[in-house]
Amino acid sequence: MSRTVLDPTSERQPTTRERAPRPPAMDGRRVALLDISKPRGNVYLDRLEELLRGRGVDVQRFAKPTFTKPAPADLRHEITTKCDVVIEALAD
């Protein structure tokens, strides 16, 4: 299956990026739910957290200070040192 992903950073030529490998199962994984601070993103993450915790998954919540900029380096570092998987949510 082929997918085209458009990068909103004003690239003139598309860049090919490999998808990150997905874990075969969530058992024993620590999952970071990253809210990028767009309106109603927390609603989606609240429900996702409920479903994951219902399956016994260890969930930790994080939020970017603003959706207009990349996540700060210290936040990225904290997520990568504490969690195995990241799910990022945006909404409007």
N, C-alpha and C. Protein backbone atom coordinates (compact mmCIF):
# COMPACT_ATOMS: atom_id res chain seq x y z
N MET A 1 0.84 -1.16 0.00
CA MET A 1 0.00 0.00 0.00
C MET A 1 0.89 1.23 0.00
N SER A 2 0.57 2.20 -0.82
CA SER A 2 1.34 3.43 -0.94
C SER A 2 0.56 4.58 -0.33
N ARG A 3 1.29 5.44 0.40
CA ARG A 3 0.66 6.63 1.00
C ARG A 3 1.48 7.85 0.64
N THR A 4 0.80 8.94 0.42
CA THR A 4 1.47 10.21 0.20
C THR A 4 1.20 11.07 1.43
N VAL A 5 2.27 11.53 2.06
CA VAL A 5 2.14 12.39 3.23
C VAL A 5 2.69 13.75 2.85
N LEU A 6 1.87 14.77 3.02
CA LEU A 6 2.29 16.14 2.71
C LEU A 6 2.87 16.77 3.95
N ASP A 7 4.02 17.37 3.81
CA ASP A 7 4.71 18.02 4.92
C ASP A 7 4.36 19.50 4.91
N PRO A 8 3.79 20.01 6.01
CA PRO A 8 3.35 21.41 6.04
C PRO A 8 4.48 22.41 6.26
N THR A 9 5.72 21.99 6.13
CA THR A 9 6.84 22.89 6.42
C THR A 9 7.37 23.58 5.18
N SER A 10 6.58 23.68 4.13
CA SER A 10 6.91 24.42 2.93
C SER A 10 8.04 23.80 2.11
N GLU A 11 8.13 22.48 2.14
CA GLU A 11 9.11 21.83 1.29
C GLU A 11 8.67 21.94 -0.16
N ARG A 12 9.59 22.22 -1.03
CA ARG A 12 9.27 22.35 -2.46
C ARG A 12 9.20 20.98 -3.13
N GLN A 13 10.02 20.06 -2.66
CA GLN A 13 10.02 18.70 -3.19
C GLN A 13 9.65 17.74 -2.06
N PRO A 14 8.77 16.78 -2.33
CA PRO A 14 8.41 15.82 -1.27
C PRO A 14 9.63 15.02 -0.82
N THR A 15 9.67 14.74 0.47
CA THR A 15 10.74 13.95 1.04
C THR A 15 10.19 12.58 1.39
N THR A 16 10.93 11.55 1.06
CA THR A 16 10.51 10.20 1.40
C THR A 16 10.94 9.89 2.82
N ARG A 17 10.01 9.43 3.63
CA ARG A 17 10.30 9.06 5.01
C ARG A 17 9.73 7.68 5.27
N GLU A 18 10.52 6.86 5.89
CA GLU A 18 10.05 5.52 6.26
C GLU A 18 9.14 5.63 7.48
N ARG A 19 8.11 4.83 7.50
CA ARG A 19 7.26 4.77 8.68
C ARG A 19 8.00 4.05 9.79
N ALA A 20 7.83 4.52 11.00
CA ALA A 20 8.47 3.87 12.15
C ALA A 20 7.85 2.49 12.35
N PRO A 21 8.65 1.50 12.71
CA PRO A 21 8.10 0.18 12.94
C PRO A 21 7.15 0.19 14.14
N ARG A 22 6.09 -0.54 14.03
CA ARG A 22 5.12 -0.62 15.12
C ARG A 22 5.40 -1.84 15.97
N PRO A 23 5.20 -1.72 17.28
CA PRO A 23 5.42 -2.90 18.11
C PRO A 23 4.37 -3.96 17.82
N PRO A 24 4.73 -5.24 17.95
CA PRO A 24 3.76 -6.30 17.66
C PRO A 24 2.60 -6.33 18.64
N ALA A 25 2.81 -5.83 19.86
CA ALA A 25 1.75 -5.80 20.88
C ALA A 25 2.04 -4.66 21.84
N MET A 26 1.03 -4.26 22.58
CA MET A 26 1.18 -3.17 23.54
C MET A 26 1.47 -3.68 24.95
N ASP A 27 1.48 -5.00 25.13
CA ASP A 27 1.74 -5.58 26.45
C ASP A 27 3.08 -5.10 26.99
N GLY A 28 3.08 -4.54 28.19
CA GLY A 28 4.30 -4.11 28.83
C GLY A 28 4.88 -2.81 28.28
N ARG A 29 4.21 -2.19 27.35
CA ARG A 29 4.71 -0.93 26.77
C ARG A 29 4.22 0.25 27.59
N ARG A 30 5.03 1.28 27.64
CA ARG A 30 4.62 2.55 28.25
C ARG A 30 4.26 3.48 27.11
N VAL A 31 3.03 3.97 27.12
CA VAL A 31 2.52 4.77 26.01
C VAL A 31 2.40 6.23 26.43
N ALA A 32 2.99 7.11 25.62
CA ALA A 32 2.85 8.55 25.82
C ALA A 32 1.73 9.05 24.93
N LEU A 33 0.79 9.77 25.51
CA LEU A 33 -0.25 10.44 24.74
C LEU A 33 0.13 11.92 24.70
N LEU A 34 0.45 12.40 23.52
CA LEU A 34 0.92 13.78 23.36
C LEU A 34 -0.18 14.66 22.78
N ASP A 35 -0.62 15.59 23.58
CA ASP A 35 -1.62 16.58 23.16
C ASP A 35 -0.85 17.76 22.58
N ILE A 36 -1.09 18.09 21.31
CA ILE A 36 -0.35 19.20 20.70
C ILE A 36 -1.01 20.55 20.98
N SER A 37 -2.02 20.55 21.82
CA SER A 37 -2.68 21.77 22.30
C SER A 37 -3.60 22.42 21.28
N LYS A 38 -4.15 21.62 20.38
CA LYS A 38 -5.21 22.14 19.52
C LYS A 38 -6.54 21.89 20.23
N PRO A 39 -7.53 22.72 19.97
CA PRO A 39 -8.83 22.54 20.63
C PRO A 39 -9.40 21.14 20.42
N ARG A 40 -9.88 20.54 21.48
CA ARG A 40 -10.56 19.25 21.53
C ARG A 40 -9.65 18.04 21.33
N GLY A 41 -8.35 18.25 21.18
CA GLY A 41 -7.44 17.11 21.10
C GLY A 41 -7.48 16.30 22.39
N ASN A 42 -7.67 16.99 23.51
CA ASN A 42 -7.74 16.30 24.80
C ASN A 42 -8.95 15.39 24.89
N VAL A 43 -10.03 15.70 24.19
CA VAL A 43 -11.23 14.86 24.21
C VAL A 43 -10.90 13.49 23.60
N TYR A 44 -10.22 13.52 22.47
CA TYR A 44 -9.80 12.28 21.82
C TYR A 44 -8.84 11.50 22.72
N LEU A 45 -7.86 12.20 23.28
CA LEU A 45 -6.88 11.52 24.13
C LEU A 45 -7.50 10.97 25.41
N ASP A 46 -8.49 11.66 25.97
CA ASP A 46 -9.17 11.15 27.16
C ASP A 46 -9.80 9.79 26.87
N ARG A 47 -10.46 9.69 25.74
CA ARG A 47 -11.12 8.42 25.37
C ARG A 47 -10.09 7.35 25.06
N LEU A 48 -9.03 7.71 24.35
CA LEU A 48 -7.98 6.76 24.03
C LEU A 48 -7.31 6.25 25.31
N GLU A 49 -7.05 7.16 26.24
CA GLU A 49 -6.46 6.76 27.52
C GLU A 49 -7.36 5.77 28.24
N GLU A 50 -8.63 6.03 28.25
CA GLU A 50 -9.59 5.13 28.90
C GLU A 50 -9.53 3.73 28.28
N LEU A 51 -9.50 3.67 26.96
CA LEU A 51 -9.46 2.38 26.27
C LEU A 51 -8.14 1.65 26.53
N LEU A 52 -7.03 2.37 26.48
CA LEU A 52 -5.74 1.74 26.71
C LEU A 52 -5.60 1.24 28.14
N ARG A 53 -6.00 2.06 29.10
CA ARG A 53 -5.92 1.64 30.51
C ARG A 53 -6.82 0.44 30.76
N GLY A 54 -7.95 0.37 30.06
CA GLY A 54 -8.84 -0.78 30.17
C GLY A 54 -8.19 -2.08 29.71
N ARG A 55 -7.16 -1.95 28.87
CA ARG A 55 -6.40 -3.12 28.40
C ARG A 55 -5.14 -3.33 29.23
N GLY A 56 -4.97 -2.54 30.29
CA GLY A 56 -3.83 -2.70 31.17
C GLY A 56 -2.55 -2.02 30.70
N VAL A 57 -2.68 -1.08 29.78
CA VAL A 57 -1.52 -0.38 29.25
C VAL A 57 -1.16 0.79 30.17
N ASP A 58 0.14 0.96 30.43
CA ASP A 58 0.65 2.08 31.23
C ASP A 58 0.65 3.33 30.34
N VAL A 59 -0.16 4.33 30.69
CA VAL A 59 -0.33 5.53 29.88
C VAL A 59 0.18 6.75 30.64
N GLN A 60 0.93 7.59 29.95
CA GLN A 60 1.37 8.87 30.51
C GLN A 60 0.97 9.98 29.55
N ARG A 61 0.51 11.10 30.11
CA ARG A 61 0.05 12.22 29.30
C ARG A 61 1.09 13.32 29.25
N PHE A 62 1.21 13.93 28.07
CA PHE A 62 2.11 15.05 27.86
C PHE A 62 1.38 16.06 26.98
N ALA A 63 1.81 17.32 27.05
CA ALA A 63 1.21 18.36 26.20
C ALA A 63 2.26 19.35 25.75
N LYS A 64 2.17 19.73 24.48
CA LYS A 64 3.02 20.81 23.98
C LYS A 64 2.46 22.13 24.49
N PRO A 65 3.31 23.13 24.68
CA PRO A 65 2.80 24.42 25.14
C PRO A 65 1.94 25.11 24.08
N THR A 66 2.22 24.86 22.80
CA THR A 66 1.44 25.47 21.72
C THR A 66 1.53 24.58 20.49
N PHE A 67 0.48 24.57 19.69
CA PHE A 67 0.51 23.75 18.48
C PHE A 67 1.28 24.43 17.35
N THR A 68 1.63 25.69 17.52
CA THR A 68 2.27 26.43 16.43
C THR A 68 3.77 26.19 16.31
N LYS A 69 4.35 25.49 17.27
CA LYS A 69 5.79 25.24 17.25
C LYS A 69 6.06 23.77 17.57
N PRO A 70 7.23 23.26 17.16
CA PRO A 70 7.59 21.89 17.53
C PRO A 70 7.67 21.75 19.06
N ALA A 71 7.54 20.52 19.52
CA ALA A 71 7.67 20.25 20.96
C ALA A 71 9.07 20.65 21.42
N PRO A 72 9.18 21.28 22.58
CA PRO A 72 10.49 21.65 23.10
C PRO A 72 11.38 20.42 23.31
N ALA A 73 12.68 20.63 23.21
CA ALA A 73 13.63 19.53 23.33
C ALA A 73 13.50 18.80 24.67
N ASP A 74 13.28 19.53 25.76
CA ASP A 74 13.16 18.87 27.05
C ASP A 74 11.92 17.99 27.12
N LEU A 75 10.83 18.39 26.48
CA LEU A 75 9.62 17.55 26.44
C LEU A 75 9.87 16.31 25.60
N ARG A 76 10.50 16.45 24.46
CA ARG A 76 10.83 15.30 23.61
C ARG A 76 11.74 14.33 24.36
N HIS A 77 12.71 14.86 25.08
CA HIS A 77 13.62 14.02 25.85
C HIS A 77 12.87 13.27 26.95
N GLU A 78 12.00 13.96 27.66
CA GLU A 78 11.23 13.32 28.72
C GLU A 78 10.38 12.18 28.18
N ILE A 79 9.72 12.41 27.05
CA ILE A 79 8.89 11.37 26.45
C ILE A 79 9.73 10.17 26.04
N THR A 80 10.86 10.41 25.38
CA THR A 80 11.68 9.29 24.90
C THR A 80 12.33 8.51 26.03
N THR A 81 12.58 9.14 27.17
CA THR A 81 13.18 8.41 28.28
C THR A 81 12.15 7.68 29.13
N LYS A 82 10.90 8.12 29.10
CA LYS A 82 9.87 7.50 29.94
C LYS A 82 8.96 6.52 29.20
N CYS A 83 8.89 6.62 27.87
CA CYS A 83 7.88 5.85 27.14
C CYS A 83 8.47 5.09 25.96
N ASP A 84 7.74 4.06 25.55
CA ASP A 84 8.15 3.22 24.42
C ASP A 84 7.42 3.58 23.13
N VAL A 85 6.22 4.09 23.27
CA VAL A 85 5.35 4.39 22.13
C VAL A 85 4.75 5.77 22.34
N VAL A 86 4.60 6.54 21.26
CA VAL A 86 3.97 7.86 21.36
C VAL A 86 2.79 7.91 20.41
N ILE A 87 1.67 8.40 20.93
CA ILE A 87 0.49 8.67 20.10
C ILE A 87 0.25 10.16 20.22
N GLU A 88 0.26 10.83 19.07
CA GLU A 88 0.07 12.28 19.05
C GLU A 88 -1.31 12.57 18.51
N ALA A 89 -2.01 13.51 19.13
CA ALA A 89 -3.37 13.80 18.71
C ALA A 89 -3.54 15.28 18.39
N LEU A 90 -4.28 15.53 17.35
CA LEU A 90 -4.69 16.89 17.06
C LEU A 90 -6.17 16.85 16.66
N ALA A 91 -6.80 17.96 16.86
CA ALA A 91 -8.22 18.05 16.54
C ALA A 91 -8.60 19.51 16.37
N ASP A 92 -9.79 19.74 15.91
CA ASP A 92 -10.38 21.07 15.82
C ASP A 92 -11.87 20.93 15.83
